[in-house]
Protein backbone atom coordinates (compact mmCIF):
# COMPACT_ATOMS: atom_id res chain seq x y z
CA MET A 1 0.06 0.00 0.13
CA PRO A 2 1.59 3.31 -0.95
CA LYS A 3 2.46 6.01 1.60
CA LYS A 4 -0.29 8.54 1.72
CA ASN A 5 1.34 12.14 1.20
CA LYS A 6 -0.34 15.00 3.00
CA LEU A 7 -0.40 17.34 -0.18
CA ASN A 8 -1.94 14.65 -2.46
CA HIS A 9 -5.27 14.09 -0.48
CA ASN A 10 -7.18 16.89 -2.18
CA ARG A 11 -6.60 16.68 -6.05
CA ASP A 12 -10.12 17.22 -7.22
CA GLY A 13 -9.10 20.90 -8.43
CA SER A 14 -11.75 22.70 -6.85
CA GLY A 15 -9.33 25.25 -5.54
CA LEU A 16 -9.04 26.69 -9.10
CA ALA A 17 -12.87 27.69 -8.71
CA ILE A 18 -12.04 30.90 -6.89
CA PRO A 19 -9.28 32.44 -9.33
CA ALA A 20 -11.33 31.23 -12.36
CA GLY A 21 -14.47 33.15 -11.03
CA LEU A 22 -12.37 36.22 -10.20
CA PHE A 23 -10.97 36.17 -13.72
CA ILE A 24 -14.46 35.68 -15.25
CA GLY A 25 -15.78 38.47 -13.12
CA MET A 26 -12.84 40.77 -14.12
CA GLY A 27 -13.44 40.02 -17.74
CA ILE A 28 -17.19 40.87 -17.68
CA GLY A 29 -16.17 43.80 -15.55
CA PHE A 30 -13.72 45.41 -17.90
CA TRP A 31 -16.34 44.58 -20.81
CA THR A 32 -19.01 46.23 -19.29
CA ASN A 33 -17.10 49.12 -17.61
CA ASP A 34 -18.24 47.99 -14.08
CA LEU A 35 -15.48 46.23 -12.75
CA VAL A 36 -15.94 46.10 -8.69
CA PRO A 37 -19.39 44.53 -8.58
CA TRP A 38 -18.59 41.72 -11.28
CA ILE A 39 -15.43 40.94 -9.41
CA PHE A 40 -17.48 40.23 -6.16
CA ILE A 41 -19.90 38.36 -8.22
CA GLY A 42 -17.10 36.19 -9.58
CA LEU A 43 -15.54 35.80 -6.26
CA GLY A 44 -18.82 34.48 -5.00
CA GLY A 45 -19.32 32.17 -7.86
CA GLY A 46 -15.87 30.65 -7.49
CA PHE A 47 -16.60 30.00 -3.75
CA LEU A 48 -20.04 28.52 -4.49
CA GLY A 49 -18.24 26.35 -7.38
CA MET A 50 -15.82 25.31 -4.85
CA LEU A 51 -18.49 24.04 -2.37
CA LEU A 52 -20.42 22.24 -5.31
CA ALA A 53 -17.21 20.43 -6.04
CA HIS A 54 -16.53 19.33 -2.62
CA LEU A 55 -20.16 18.21 -2.03
CA ILE A 56 -20.21 16.20 -5.39
CA LYS A 57 -16.94 14.57 -4.52
CA ASN A 58 -17.92 13.75 -0.94
CA LYS A 59 -21.15 12.14 -2.02
């Protein structure tokens, strides 16, 4: 049985949801010339995506 590394136990990629949400929010914000609200919307979407990924993984 291989030794379990502490760093390898969470390899679902859900940590990328927050930066992805921020970049999507920034892109829409620059496009609509309304940056700050879209950054917060993207950040909230990233946290929501991370939560959903964890819930689906632990099902």
